[in-house]
Amino acid sequence: MSLPHGVHLTIPPPKGGESILTNEALEFLAMLHRTFNTRRKELLENRKAVQAELDKVGVKLCSTLRSGNKGAQASTQLHLCLASLRERPC
């Protein structure tokens, strides 16, 4: 399996994976990574800063991954955990 420039697989693809991990698909993934990785890291760092502020008052920021029916797109939703709000002393 020949890989696009700059792409390195850390594990071998599963049996039959070559039909999914085509050069075009890998090039697309590499483009997404190169385009959005810096912003992704910024957002993760911001999330840590926000959580540090929330920790001061005992609130947890939760990340849940929800997927609908079979074949539906998964979406990530951030929300304040209501349980942590209820556990705070008034």
N, C-alpha and C. Protein backbone atom coordinates (compact mmCIF):
# COMPACT_ATOMS: atom_id res chain seq x y z
N MET A 1 0.86 -1.18 0.00
CA MET A 1 0.00 0.00 0.00
C MET A 1 0.90 1.24 0.00
N SER A 2 0.80 2.03 -1.02
CA SER A 2 1.59 3.25 -1.12
C SER A 2 0.81 4.38 -0.45
N LEU A 3 1.50 5.17 0.40
CA LEU A 3 0.85 6.24 1.15
C LEU A 3 1.18 7.60 0.58
N PRO A 4 0.26 8.54 0.68
CA PRO A 4 0.54 9.91 0.23
C PRO A 4 1.68 10.52 1.04
N HIS A 5 2.32 11.53 0.49
CA HIS A 5 3.44 12.20 1.14
C HIS A 5 3.04 12.70 2.53
N GLY A 6 3.84 12.38 3.53
CA GLY A 6 3.60 12.85 4.88
C GLY A 6 2.62 12.03 5.69
N VAL A 7 2.04 10.99 5.12
CA VAL A 7 1.07 10.16 5.84
C VAL A 7 1.77 8.91 6.34
N HIS A 8 1.59 8.63 7.62
CA HIS A 8 2.17 7.44 8.23
C HIS A 8 1.08 6.74 9.03
N LEU A 9 0.88 5.47 8.76
CA LEU A 9 -0.08 4.69 9.53
C LEU A 9 0.66 4.08 10.72
N THR A 10 0.10 4.21 11.91
CA THR A 10 0.76 3.67 13.10
C THR A 10 0.43 2.21 13.33
N ILE A 11 -0.64 1.73 12.71
CA ILE A 11 -0.97 0.31 12.75
C ILE A 11 -1.38 -0.11 11.34
N PRO A 12 -1.22 -1.38 11.02
CA PRO A 12 -1.64 -1.80 9.68
C PRO A 12 -3.16 -1.73 9.55
N PRO A 13 -3.65 -1.44 8.34
CA PRO A 13 -5.10 -1.42 8.16
C PRO A 13 -5.68 -2.82 8.38
N PRO A 14 -6.92 -2.89 8.84
CA PRO A 14 -7.54 -4.20 9.02
C PRO A 14 -7.71 -4.89 7.67
N LYS A 15 -7.94 -6.18 7.72
CA LYS A 15 -8.14 -6.95 6.49
C LYS A 15 -9.26 -6.31 5.67
N GLY A 16 -8.99 -6.02 4.44
CA GLY A 16 -9.96 -5.39 3.55
C GLY A 16 -9.97 -3.87 3.67
N GLY A 17 -9.18 -3.32 4.59
CA GLY A 17 -9.16 -1.88 4.80
C GLY A 17 -8.59 -1.09 3.65
N GLU A 18 -7.81 -1.74 2.82
CA GLU A 18 -7.22 -1.05 1.68
C GLU A 18 -8.29 -0.51 0.72
N SER A 19 -9.43 -1.17 0.71
CA SER A 19 -10.50 -0.70 -0.18
C SER A 19 -11.16 0.57 0.36
N ILE A 20 -11.01 0.83 1.66
CA ILE A 20 -11.56 2.05 2.26
C ILE A 20 -10.49 3.11 2.38
N LEU A 21 -9.31 2.71 2.83
CA LEU A 21 -8.19 3.65 3.02
C LEU A 21 -7.44 3.83 1.70
N THR A 22 -8.14 4.33 0.73
CA THR A 22 -7.51 4.58 -0.58
C THR A 22 -6.59 5.78 -0.47
N ASN A 23 -5.75 5.97 -1.46
CA ASN A 23 -4.88 7.15 -1.47
C ASN A 23 -5.70 8.42 -1.41
N GLU A 24 -6.81 8.45 -2.14
CA GLU A 24 -7.66 9.64 -2.14
C GLU A 24 -8.22 9.91 -0.74
N ALA A 25 -8.67 8.85 -0.05
CA ALA A 25 -9.21 9.01 1.30
C ALA A 25 -8.12 9.47 2.27
N LEU A 26 -6.94 8.90 2.17
CA LEU A 26 -5.84 9.28 3.04
C LEU A 26 -5.38 10.71 2.76
N GLU A 27 -5.37 11.10 1.49
CA GLU A 27 -5.02 12.48 1.15
C GLU A 27 -6.05 13.45 1.73
N PHE A 28 -7.32 13.08 1.68
CA PHE A 28 -8.38 13.91 2.24
C PHE A 28 -8.21 14.05 3.76
N LEU A 29 -7.95 12.93 4.44
CA LEU A 29 -7.74 12.98 5.89
C LEU A 29 -6.52 13.82 6.24
N ALA A 30 -5.46 13.69 5.46
CA ALA A 30 -4.26 14.49 5.70
C ALA A 30 -4.56 15.97 5.52
N MET A 31 -5.34 16.32 4.51
CA MET A 31 -5.72 17.71 4.27
C MET A 31 -6.54 18.25 5.44
N LEU A 32 -7.49 17.45 5.93
CA LEU A 32 -8.29 17.87 7.08
C LEU A 32 -7.40 18.11 8.30
N HIS A 33 -6.47 17.19 8.53
CA HIS A 33 -5.56 17.32 9.67
C HIS A 33 -4.71 18.58 9.54
N ARG A 34 -4.15 18.79 8.38
CA ARG A 34 -3.29 19.96 8.18
C ARG A 34 -4.08 21.26 8.29
N THR A 35 -5.32 21.25 7.85
CA THR A 35 -6.15 22.45 7.87
C THR A 35 -6.66 22.78 9.26
N PHE A 36 -7.09 21.77 10.01
CA PHE A 36 -7.81 22.02 11.25
C PHE A 36 -7.07 21.64 12.53
N ASN A 37 -5.92 20.98 12.46
CA ASN A 37 -5.28 20.51 13.67
C ASN A 37 -4.87 21.64 14.61
N THR A 38 -4.36 22.74 14.07
CA THR A 38 -3.97 23.85 14.93
C THR A 38 -5.18 24.39 15.68
N ARG A 39 -6.28 24.59 14.99
CA ARG A 39 -7.50 25.08 15.63
C ARG A 39 -8.04 24.07 16.62
N ARG A 40 -7.98 22.79 16.29
CA ARG A 40 -8.44 21.73 17.20
C ARG A 40 -7.66 21.79 18.51
N LYS A 41 -6.34 21.96 18.41
CA LYS A 41 -5.51 22.06 19.61
C LYS A 41 -5.85 23.30 20.42
N GLU A 42 -6.09 24.43 19.74
CA GLU A 42 -6.48 25.66 20.44
C GLU A 42 -7.77 25.46 21.22
N LEU A 43 -8.74 24.81 20.58
CA LEU A 43 -10.01 24.57 21.24
C LEU A 43 -9.87 23.64 22.44
N LEU A 44 -9.02 22.64 22.32
CA LEU A 44 -8.79 21.73 23.45
C LEU A 44 -8.12 22.47 24.61
N GLU A 45 -7.17 23.34 24.31
CA GLU A 45 -6.52 24.13 25.36
C GLU A 45 -7.52 25.07 26.01
N ASN A 46 -8.38 25.68 25.21
CA ASN A 46 -9.42 26.56 25.75
C ASN A 46 -10.36 25.77 26.65
N ARG A 47 -10.70 24.58 26.23
CA ARG A 47 -11.59 23.74 27.05
C ARG A 47 -10.96 23.46 28.40
N LYS A 48 -9.64 23.21 28.42
CA LYS A 48 -8.94 22.99 29.70
C LYS A 48 -9.02 24.23 30.58
N ALA A 49 -8.84 25.41 29.97
CA ALA A 49 -8.90 26.65 30.73
C ALA A 49 -10.29 26.88 31.29
N VAL A 50 -11.31 26.63 30.47
CA VAL A 50 -12.69 26.78 30.92
C VAL A 50 -12.97 25.80 32.05
N GLN A 51 -12.52 24.56 31.90
CA GLN A 51 -12.76 23.57 32.95
C GLN A 51 -12.05 23.95 34.23
N ALA A 52 -10.85 24.52 34.13
CA ALA A 52 -10.13 24.97 35.33
C ALA A 52 -10.94 26.02 36.08
N GLU A 53 -11.56 26.94 35.33
CA GLU A 53 -12.41 27.95 35.97
C GLU A 53 -13.65 27.31 36.59
N LEU A 54 -14.24 26.35 35.89
CA LEU A 54 -15.42 25.68 36.41
C LEU A 54 -15.08 24.83 37.63
N ASP A 55 -13.87 24.25 37.65
CA ASP A 55 -13.45 23.44 38.79
C ASP A 55 -13.43 24.27 40.07
N LYS A 56 -13.14 25.55 39.94
CA LYS A 56 -13.10 26.43 41.12
C LYS A 56 -14.44 26.49 41.84
N VAL A 57 -15.53 26.28 41.08
CA VAL A 57 -16.86 26.31 41.69
C VAL A 57 -17.51 24.92 41.69
N GLY A 58 -16.75 23.91 41.31
CA GLY A 58 -17.24 22.54 41.39
C GLY A 58 -18.17 22.09 40.29
N VAL A 59 -18.02 22.65 39.10
CA VAL A 59 -18.87 22.26 37.97
C VAL A 59 -18.01 21.52 36.95
N LYS A 60 -18.53 20.44 36.42
CA LYS A 60 -17.80 19.66 35.42
C LYS A 60 -18.39 19.92 34.03
N LEU A 61 -17.52 20.11 33.04
CA LEU A 61 -17.94 20.24 31.65
C LEU A 61 -17.84 18.85 31.05
N CYS A 62 -18.95 18.33 30.57
CA CYS A 62 -18.98 16.96 30.07
C CYS A 62 -19.03 16.94 28.56
N SER A 63 -18.42 15.96 27.97
CA SER A 63 -18.49 15.77 26.54
C SER A 63 -19.15 14.43 26.30
N THR A 64 -20.21 14.43 25.53
CA THR A 64 -20.90 13.18 25.23
C THR A 64 -20.92 13.00 23.72
N LEU A 65 -20.75 11.79 23.30
CA LEU A 65 -20.83 11.47 21.88
C LEU A 65 -22.13 10.71 21.69
N ARG A 66 -22.98 11.29 20.88
CA ARG A 66 -24.28 10.66 20.64
C ARG A 66 -24.39 10.28 19.18
N SER A 67 -24.88 9.10 18.94
CA SER A 67 -25.17 8.72 17.56
C SER A 67 -26.60 8.24 17.51
N GLY A 68 -27.24 8.62 16.46
CA GLY A 68 -28.66 8.26 16.31
C GLY A 68 -28.80 6.87 15.74
N ASN A 69 -29.78 6.72 14.90
CA ASN A 69 -30.05 5.43 14.27
C ASN A 69 -28.87 4.99 13.43
N LYS A 70 -28.87 3.72 13.13
CA LYS A 70 -27.80 3.15 12.32
C LYS A 70 -27.57 3.99 11.07
N GLY A 71 -26.32 4.39 10.86
CA GLY A 71 -25.98 5.17 9.69
C GLY A 71 -26.10 6.67 9.91
N ALA A 72 -26.65 7.09 11.03
CA ALA A 72 -26.78 8.53 11.29
C ALA A 72 -25.42 9.09 11.70
N GLN A 73 -25.22 10.37 11.44
CA GLN A 73 -23.96 11.00 11.82
C GLN A 73 -23.92 11.15 13.33
N ALA A 74 -22.73 10.93 13.87
CA ALA A 74 -22.53 11.17 15.30
C ALA A 74 -22.28 12.65 15.50
N SER A 75 -22.77 13.17 16.59
CA SER A 75 -22.51 14.57 16.89
C SER A 75 -22.00 14.68 18.31
N THR A 76 -21.11 15.61 18.53
CA THR A 76 -20.58 15.82 19.87
C THR A 76 -21.31 16.99 20.48
N GLN A 77 -21.68 16.83 21.71
CA GLN A 77 -22.45 17.86 22.38
C GLN A 77 -21.82 18.11 23.74
N LEU A 78 -21.51 19.37 24.00
CA LEU A 78 -20.97 19.74 25.29
C LEU A 78 -22.10 20.30 26.14
N HIS A 79 -22.09 19.94 27.39
CA HIS A 79 -23.11 20.46 28.28
C HIS A 79 -22.58 20.44 29.70
N LEU A 80 -23.18 21.23 30.55
CA LEU A 80 -22.84 21.19 31.96
C LEU A 80 -23.54 20.00 32.57
N CYS A 81 -22.80 19.23 33.34
CA CYS A 81 -23.41 18.07 34.00
C CYS A 81 -24.33 18.57 35.11
N LEU A 82 -25.59 18.27 34.97
CA LEU A 82 -26.56 18.72 35.97
C LEU A 82 -26.26 18.11 37.33
N ALA A 83 -25.75 16.90 37.34
CA ALA A 83 -25.44 16.27 38.62
C ALA A 83 -24.43 17.08 39.40
N SER A 84 -23.42 17.62 38.72
CA SER A 84 -22.41 18.40 39.44
C SER A 84 -23.00 19.70 39.97
N LEU A 85 -23.99 20.25 39.26
CA LEU A 85 -24.65 21.46 39.75
C LEU A 85 -25.50 21.16 40.98
N ARG A 86 -26.17 20.00 40.97
CA ARG A 86 -27.02 19.64 42.11
C ARG A 86 -26.20 19.34 43.35
N GLU A 87 -24.96 18.85 43.17
CA GLU A 87 -24.13 18.46 44.30
C GLU A 87 -23.45 19.65 44.97
N ARG A 88 -23.49 20.81 44.32
CA ARG A 88 -22.84 21.99 44.91
C ARG A 88 -23.60 22.48 46.10
N PRO A 89 -22.86 22.87 47.15
CA PRO A 89 -23.55 23.47 48.29
C PRO A 89 -24.06 24.86 47.93
N CYS A 90 -25.21 25.24 48.47
CA CYS A 90 -25.77 26.57 48.18
C CYS A 90 -25.15 27.62 49.07
